[in-house]
Amino acid sequence: MEQYSGLFKTKKKGKDKPSRYDDFGGQQLDDRYKWLAYIEIFIEKLNLKETEVYVMNYIHTLNWLGYWKNKNDVKSAKEKNSL
């Protein structure tokens, strides 16, 4: 749940990690619009319309977000090891 803390306003434990969706040209994305970044991910990666994303099952969406986070972590670890 920690990776979704910005979405749910939970307290973060430990060191704050910058999200890839936080920095837009050196400016912080306003908190009230951060959830739209997640909607945008579903639209782009699953090729869905906005209305289709809004009717998706909550658990299903969290599974997809977890999958993409894991995939990105593995990819960045591989790139880090190759340097």
C-alpha atoms as a PDB file:
ATOM      1  CA  MET A   1       0.000   0.000   0.000  1.00  0.00           C
ATOM      2  CA  GLU A   2       3.007   2.239   0.459  1.00  0.00           C
ATOM      3  CA  GLN A   3       3.414   2.759  -3.300  1.00  0.00           C
ATOM      4  CA  TYR A   4      -0.115   4.229  -3.425  1.00  0.00           C
ATOM      5  CA  SER A   5       0.344   6.506  -0.408  1.00  0.00           C
ATOM      6  CA  GLY A   6       0.086   9.680  -2.484  1.00  0.00           C
ATOM      7  CA  LEU A   7      -3.253   8.517  -3.765  1.00  0.00           C
ATOM      8  CA  PHE A   8      -4.706   7.625  -0.376  1.00  0.00           C
ATOM      9  CA  LYS A   9      -3.002  10.274   1.833  1.00  0.00           C
ATOM     10  CA  THR A  10      -1.386   7.688   4.090  1.00  0.00           C
ATOM     11  CA  LYS A  11       1.692   8.357   6.170  1.00  0.00           C
ATOM     12  CA  LYS A  12       4.920   7.239   4.571  1.00  0.00           C
ATOM     13  CA  LYS A  13       7.413   5.183   6.515  1.00  0.00           C
ATOM     14  CA  GLY A  14      11.077   5.955   6.192  1.00  0.00           C
ATOM     15  CA  LYS A  15      12.692   7.834   3.365  1.00  0.00           C
ATOM     16  CA  ASP A  16      10.471   9.410   0.692  1.00  0.00           C
ATOM     17  CA  LYS A  17      11.165   8.036  -2.748  1.00  0.00           C
ATOM     18  CA  PRO A  18      10.418  10.323  -5.679  1.00  0.00           C
ATOM     19  CA  SER A  19       7.776   8.936  -7.980  1.00  0.00           C
ATOM     20  CA  ARG A  20       8.207   9.010 -11.729  1.00  0.00           C
ATOM     21  CA  TYR A  21       4.918  10.909 -11.869  1.00  0.00           C
ATOM     22  CA  ASP A  22       5.886  13.623  -9.379  1.00  0.00           C
ATOM     23  CA  ASP A  23       8.193  15.763 -11.472  1.00  0.00           C
ATOM     24  CA  PHE A  24       6.870  17.609 -14.492  1.00  0.00           C
ATOM     25  CA  GLY A  25       9.488  20.047 -15.734  1.00  0.00           C
ATOM     26  CA  GLY A  26      10.832  20.739 -12.247  1.00  0.00           C
ATOM     27  CA  GLN A  27       7.385  21.376 -10.772  1.00  0.00           C
ATOM     28  CA  GLN A  28       5.540  19.154  -8.331  1.00  0.00           C
ATOM     29  CA  LEU A  29       2.188  17.867  -9.548  1.00  0.00           C
ATOM     30  CA  ASP A  30      -0.649  19.225  -7.430  1.00  0.00           C
ATOM     31  CA  ASP A  31      -1.954  16.548  -5.022  1.00  0.00           C
ATOM     32  CA  ARG A  32      -5.515  16.839  -6.215  1.00  0.00           C
ATOM     33  CA  TYR A  33      -4.487  15.732  -9.737  1.00  0.00           C
ATOM     34  CA  LYS A  34      -2.027  12.931  -8.939  1.00  0.00           C
ATOM     35  CA  TRP A  35      -4.691  10.262  -9.279  1.00  0.00           C
ATOM     36  CA  LEU A  36      -5.122  11.281 -12.933  1.00  0.00           C
ATOM     37  CA  ALA A  37      -1.587  10.042 -13.604  1.00  0.00           C
ATOM     38  CA  TYR A  38      -2.806   6.554 -12.708  1.00  0.00           C
ATOM     39  CA  ILE A  39      -5.815   6.916 -15.002  1.00  0.00           C
ATOM     40  CA  GLU A  40      -3.447   8.029 -17.747  1.00  0.00           C
ATOM     41  CA  ILE A  41      -1.322   4.900 -17.241  1.00  0.00           C
ATOM     42  CA  PHE A  42      -4.339   2.650 -17.747  1.00  0.00           C
ATOM     43  CA  ILE A  43      -5.437   4.561 -20.828  1.00  0.00           C
ATOM     44  CA  GLU A  44      -1.986   4.314 -22.412  1.00  0.00           C
ATOM     45  CA  LYS A  45      -0.892   0.815 -21.378  1.00  0.00           C
ATOM     46  CA  LEU A  46      -4.194  -1.033 -21.694  1.00  0.00           C
ATOM     47  CA  ASN A  47      -5.468   1.067 -24.596  1.00  0.00           C
ATOM     48  CA  LEU A  48      -8.724   1.820 -22.808  1.00  0.00           C
ATOM     49  CA  LYS A  49     -11.061   4.767 -22.884  1.00  0.00           C
ATOM     50  CA  GLU A  50     -11.377   6.894 -19.768  1.00  0.00           C
ATOM     51  CA  THR A  51     -14.898   5.652 -19.077  1.00  0.00           C
ATOM     52  CA  GLU A  52     -13.691   2.033 -19.297  1.00  0.00           C
ATOM     53  CA  VAL A  53     -11.001   2.712 -16.711  1.00  0.00           C
ATOM     54  CA  TYR A  54     -13.510   4.190 -14.270  1.00  0.00           C
ATOM     55  CA  VAL A  55     -15.664   1.037 -14.306  1.00  0.00           C
ATOM     56  CA  MET A  56     -12.729  -1.355 -13.728  1.00  0.00           C
ATOM     57  CA  ASN A  57     -12.729  -3.449 -10.575  1.00  0.00           C
ATOM     58  CA  TYR A  58     -10.640  -1.906  -7.777  1.00  0.00           C
ATOM     59  CA  ILE A  59      -8.636  -5.066  -7.044  1.00  0.00           C
ATOM     60  CA  HIS A  60      -8.021  -5.605 -10.749  1.00  0.00           C
ATOM     61  CA  THR A  61      -6.594  -2.093 -11.091  1.00  0.00           C
ATOM     62  CA  LEU A  62      -4.318  -2.569  -8.071  1.00  0.00           C
ATOM     63  CA  ASN A  63      -3.078  -5.842  -9.558  1.00  0.00           C
ATOM     64  CA  TRP A  64      -2.172  -4.070 -12.795  1.00  0.00           C
ATOM     65  CA  LEU A  65      -0.424  -1.237 -10.929  1.00  0.00           C
ATOM     66  CA  GLY A  66       1.517  -3.739  -8.850  1.00  0.00           C
ATOM     67  CA  TYR A  67       2.529  -5.663 -11.966  1.00  0.00           C
ATOM     68  CA  TRP A  68       3.798  -2.530 -13.727  1.00  0.00           C
ATOM     69  CA  LYS A  69       5.683  -1.403 -10.630  1.00  0.00           C
ATOM     70  CA  ASN A  70       7.349  -4.808 -10.312  1.00  0.00           C
ATOM     71  CA  LYS A  71       8.163  -4.847 -14.023  1.00  0.00           C
ATOM     72  CA  ASN A  72       9.716  -1.369 -13.830  1.00  0.00           C
ATOM     73  CA  ASP A  73      11.719  -2.337 -10.724  1.00  0.00           C
ATOM     74  CA  VAL A  74      13.127  -5.420 -12.476  1.00  0.00           C
ATOM     75  CA  LYS A  75      13.924  -3.412 -15.594  1.00  0.00           C
ATOM     76  CA  SER A  76      15.712  -0.667 -13.651  1.00  0.00           C
ATOM     77  CA  ALA A  77      17.648  -3.271 -11.617  1.00  0.00           C
ATOM     78  CA  LYS A  78      18.818  -4.931 -14.845  1.00  0.00           C
ATOM     79  CA  GLU A  79      19.874  -1.562 -16.273  1.00  0.00           C
ATOM     80  CA  LYS A  80      21.682  -0.717 -13.042  1.00  0.00           C
ATOM     81  CA  ASN A  81      23.538  -4.038 -13.084  1.00  0.00           C
ATOM     82  CA  SER A  82      24.541  -3.614 -16.729  1.00  0.00           C
ATOM     83  CA  LEU A  83      26.296  -0.310 -16.018  1.00  0.00           C
END
